[in-house]
């Protein structure tokens, strides 16, 4: 895995949470796996604006942290499926709370962005 030049402060639970679930597509991947999308091709189709390489990288990070598990079937052509671990199911509660907060903040956010665009 890529090592950053400035060490991360992992003494804080919030920093650890961001390290594990922070990433442009990780929340979407977890929600889609929870909805029943288990194959990499299904996950790639569900997020067409993301490259397969980035999605695979983020899936690998989620697997590394024990949030998803990857099952490789011994068949031809090769078949892979992802599923949420118990830790992944726990993380969903956090993500759904964040989604709820975002829905409540959406109007304010768009007003700020609109105002910011008018200034420049």
C-alpha atoms as a PDB file:
ATOM      1  CA  UNK A   1       0.000   0.000   0.000  1.00  0.00           C
ATOM      2  CA  UNK A   2       1.102   3.573  -0.711  1.00  0.00           C
ATOM      3  CA  UNK A   3       2.982   5.264   2.144  1.00  0.00           C
ATOM      4  CA  UNK A   4       2.574   9.014   2.571  1.00  0.00           C
ATOM      5  CA  UNK A   5       5.565  11.228   3.342  1.00  0.00           C
ATOM      6  CA  UNK A   6       3.904  12.795   6.402  1.00  0.00           C
ATOM      7  CA  UNK A   7       2.912  10.141   8.946  1.00  0.00           C
ATOM      8  CA  UNK A   8      -0.759   9.973   9.821  1.00  0.00           C
ATOM      9  CA  UNK A   9      -1.932  10.562  13.374  1.00  0.00           C
ATOM     10  CA  UNK A  10      -3.787   7.339  14.129  1.00  0.00           C
ATOM     11  CA  UNK A  11      -4.122   7.962  17.851  1.00  0.00           C
ATOM     12  CA  UNK A  12      -7.581   9.505  17.314  1.00  0.00           C
ATOM     13  CA  UNK A  13     -10.632   7.364  16.559  1.00  0.00           C
ATOM     14  CA  UNK A  14     -11.955   9.912  14.061  1.00  0.00           C
ATOM     15  CA  UNK A  15      -8.694   9.800  12.082  1.00  0.00           C
ATOM     16  CA  UNK A  16      -8.868   6.008  12.060  1.00  0.00           C
ATOM     17  CA  UNK A  17     -12.467   6.074  10.810  1.00  0.00           C
ATOM     18  CA  UNK A  18     -11.529   8.493   8.029  1.00  0.00           C
ATOM     19  CA  UNK A  19      -8.526   6.345   7.132  1.00  0.00           C
ATOM     20  CA  UNK A  20     -10.729   3.254   6.799  1.00  0.00           C
ATOM     21  CA  UNK A  21     -13.876   4.630   5.130  1.00  0.00           C
ATOM     22  CA  UNK A  22     -12.547   7.860   3.634  1.00  0.00           C
ATOM     23  CA  UNK A  23     -12.229   7.643  -0.102  1.00  0.00           C
ATOM     24  CA  UNK A  24     -14.253   8.998  -2.951  1.00  0.00           C
ATOM     25  CA  UNK A  25     -16.128   5.760  -3.671  1.00  0.00           C
ATOM     26  CA  UNK A  26     -15.898   3.655  -0.497  1.00  0.00           C
ATOM     27  CA  UNK A  27     -19.294   4.699   0.904  1.00  0.00           C
ATOM     28  CA  UNK A  28     -20.934   3.942  -2.462  1.00  0.00           C
ATOM     29  CA  UNK A  29     -19.198   0.584  -2.662  1.00  0.00           C
ATOM     30  CA  UNK A  30     -20.334  -0.387   0.835  1.00  0.00           C
ATOM     31  CA  UNK A  31     -23.921   0.708   0.203  1.00  0.00           C
ATOM     32  CA  UNK A  32     -24.016  -1.204  -3.093  1.00  0.00           C
ATOM     33  CA  UNK A  33     -22.569  -4.366  -1.552  1.00  0.00           C
ATOM     34  CA  UNK A  34     -25.222  -4.058   1.137  1.00  0.00           C
ATOM     35  CA  UNK A  35     -27.889  -3.795  -1.612  1.00  0.00           C
ATOM     36  CA  UNK A  36     -26.733  -7.130  -3.019  1.00  0.00           C
ATOM     37  CA  UNK A  37     -24.172  -6.125  -5.634  1.00  0.00           C
ATOM     38  CA  UNK A  38     -21.372  -8.577  -4.970  1.00  0.00           C
ATOM     39  CA  UNK A  39     -19.443  -8.978  -8.217  1.00  0.00           C
ATOM     40  CA  UNK A  40     -16.794  -6.441  -9.287  1.00  0.00           C
ATOM     41  CA  UNK A  41     -18.560  -5.951 -12.636  1.00  0.00           C
ATOM     42  CA  UNK A  42     -21.829  -5.046 -10.855  1.00  0.00           C
ATOM     43  CA  UNK A  43     -20.003  -2.601  -8.606  1.00  0.00           C
ATOM     44  CA  UNK A  44     -18.238  -1.011 -11.589  1.00  0.00           C
ATOM     45  CA  UNK A  45     -21.554  -0.615 -13.434  1.00  0.00           C
ATOM     46  CA  UNK A  46     -23.136   0.969 -10.359  1.00  0.00           C
ATOM     47  CA  UNK A  47     -20.493   3.733 -10.293  1.00  0.00           C
ATOM     48  CA  UNK A  48     -19.744   4.376 -14.000  1.00  0.00           C
ATOM     49  CA  UNK A  49     -17.906   7.653 -13.356  1.00  0.00           C
ATOM     50  CA  UNK A  50     -15.209   5.822 -11.364  1.00  0.00           C
ATOM     51  CA  UNK A  51     -12.425   3.903 -13.041  1.00  0.00           C
ATOM     52  CA  UNK A  52     -12.224   0.160 -12.467  1.00  0.00           C
ATOM     53  CA  UNK A  53      -8.672   0.632 -11.168  1.00  0.00           C
ATOM     54  CA  UNK A  54      -9.748   3.063  -8.433  1.00  0.00           C
ATOM     55  CA  UNK A  55     -12.716   0.907  -7.422  1.00  0.00           C
ATOM     56  CA  UNK A  56     -10.497  -2.167  -7.227  1.00  0.00           C
ATOM     57  CA  UNK A  57      -7.978  -0.229  -5.144  1.00  0.00           C
ATOM     58  CA  UNK A  58     -10.660   0.969  -2.738  1.00  0.00           C
ATOM     59  CA  UNK A  59     -12.163  -2.530  -2.489  1.00  0.00           C
ATOM     60  CA  UNK A  60      -8.692  -3.858  -1.662  1.00  0.00           C
ATOM     61  CA  UNK A  61      -8.307  -1.220   1.075  1.00  0.00           C
ATOM     62  CA  UNK A  62     -11.721  -2.108   2.526  1.00  0.00           C
ATOM     63  CA  UNK A  63     -10.714  -5.776   2.480  1.00  0.00           C
ATOM     64  CA  UNK A  64      -7.367  -4.972   4.113  1.00  0.00           C
ATOM     65  CA  UNK A  65      -9.183  -3.201   6.959  1.00  0.00           C
ATOM     66  CA  UNK A  66     -11.642  -6.054   7.410  1.00  0.00           C
ATOM     67  CA  UNK A  67     -14.705  -4.102   6.267  1.00  0.00           C
ATOM     68  CA  UNK A  68     -15.438  -6.392   3.307  1.00  0.00           C
ATOM     69  CA  UNK A  69     -14.450  -9.935   2.578  1.00  0.00           C
ATOM     70  CA  UNK A  70     -13.532 -11.241  -0.828  1.00  0.00           C
ATOM     71  CA  UNK A  71     -14.435 -14.748  -1.906  1.00  0.00           C
ATOM     72  CA  UNK A  72     -12.654 -16.207  -4.920  1.00  0.00           C
ATOM     73  CA  UNK A  73     -14.397 -19.133  -6.579  1.00  0.00           C
ATOM     74  CA  UNK A  74     -12.232 -21.798  -8.201  1.00  0.00           C
ATOM     75  CA  UNK A  75     -14.004 -21.763 -11.578  1.00  0.00           C
ATOM     76  CA  UNK A  76     -13.251 -20.701 -15.127  1.00  0.00           C
ATOM     77  CA  UNK A  77     -13.672 -17.901 -15.878  1.00  0.00           C
ATOM     78  CA  UNK A  78     -12.619 -16.692 -12.423  1.00  0.00           C
ATOM     79  CA  UNK A  79     -15.424 -15.451 -10.195  1.00  0.00           C
ATOM     80  CA  UNK A  80     -15.074 -13.061  -7.247  1.00  0.00           C
ATOM     81  CA  UNK A  81     -17.706 -11.845  -4.804  1.00  0.00           C
ATOM     82  CA  UNK A  82     -17.534  -9.261  -2.046  1.00  0.00           C
ATOM     83  CA  UNK A  83     -19.592  -9.206   1.134  1.00  0.00           C
ATOM     84  CA  UNK A  84     -19.736  -7.052   4.233  1.00  0.00           C
ATOM     85  CA  UNK A  85     -18.061  -8.313   7.377  1.00  0.00           C
ATOM     86  CA  UNK A  86     -19.530  -7.579  10.805  1.00  0.00           C
ATOM     87  CA  UNK A  87     -17.290  -4.505  10.870  1.00  0.00           C
ATOM     88  CA  UNK A  88     -18.693  -3.471   7.499  1.00  0.00           C
ATOM     89  CA  UNK A  89     -22.241  -3.781   8.798  1.00  0.00           C
ATOM     90  CA  UNK A  90     -21.281  -1.585  11.765  1.00  0.00           C
ATOM     91  CA  UNK A  91     -19.786   1.015   9.413  1.00  0.00           C
ATOM     92  CA  UNK A  92     -23.070   1.177   7.485  1.00  0.00           C
ATOM     93  CA  UNK A  93     -24.730   2.679  10.556  1.00  0.00           C
ATOM     94  CA  UNK A  94     -22.158   5.480  10.506  1.00  0.00           C
ATOM     95  CA  UNK A  95     -22.604   6.030   6.763  1.00  0.00           C
ATOM     96  CA  UNK A  96     -26.391   6.149   7.010  1.00  0.00           C
ATOM     97  CA  UNK A  97     -26.097   8.712   9.834  1.00  0.00           C
ATOM     98  CA  UNK A  98     -23.801  10.772   7.605  1.00  0.00           C
ATOM     99  CA  UNK A  99     -26.276  10.466   4.732  1.00  0.00           C
ATOM    100  CA  UNK A 100     -29.111  11.653   6.962  1.00  0.00           C
ATOM    101  CA  UNK A 101     -27.063  14.637   8.114  1.00  0.00           C
ATOM    102  CA  UNK A 102     -26.166  15.436   4.500  1.00  0.00           C
ATOM    103  CA  UNK A 103     -29.802  15.357   3.439  1.00  0.00           C
ATOM    104  CA  UNK A 104     -30.646  17.839   6.211  1.00  0.00           C
ATOM    105  CA  UNK A 105     -27.703  20.068   5.261  1.00  0.00           C
ATOM    106  CA  UNK A 106     -28.233  19.840   1.486  1.00  0.00           C
ATOM    107  CA  UNK A 107     -30.122  23.143   1.035  1.00  0.00           C
ATOM    108  CA  UNK A 108     -27.613  25.100   3.125  1.00  0.00           C
ATOM    109  CA  UNK A 109     -24.747  23.486   1.220  1.00  0.00           C
ATOM    110  CA  UNK A 110     -26.214  24.369  -2.174  1.00  0.00           C
ATOM    111  CA  UNK A 111     -26.948  27.923  -1.017  1.00  0.00           C
ATOM    112  CA  UNK A 112     -23.317  28.308   0.093  1.00  0.00           C
ATOM    113  CA  UNK A 113     -21.985  26.892  -3.174  1.00  0.00           C
ATOM    114  CA  UNK A 114     -24.321  29.106  -5.207  1.00  0.00           C
ATOM    115  CA  UNK A 115     -23.276  32.176  -3.200  1.00  0.00           C
ATOM    116  CA  UNK A 116     -19.598  31.250  -3.508  1.00  0.00           C
ATOM    117  CA  UNK A 117     -19.993  30.971  -7.293  1.00  0.00           C
ATOM    118  CA  UNK A 118     -21.576  34.437  -7.457  1.00  0.00           C
ATOM    119  CA  UNK A 119     -18.612  36.007  -5.632  1.00  0.00           C
ATOM    120  CA  UNK A 120     -16.013  34.768  -8.121  1.00  0.00           C
END
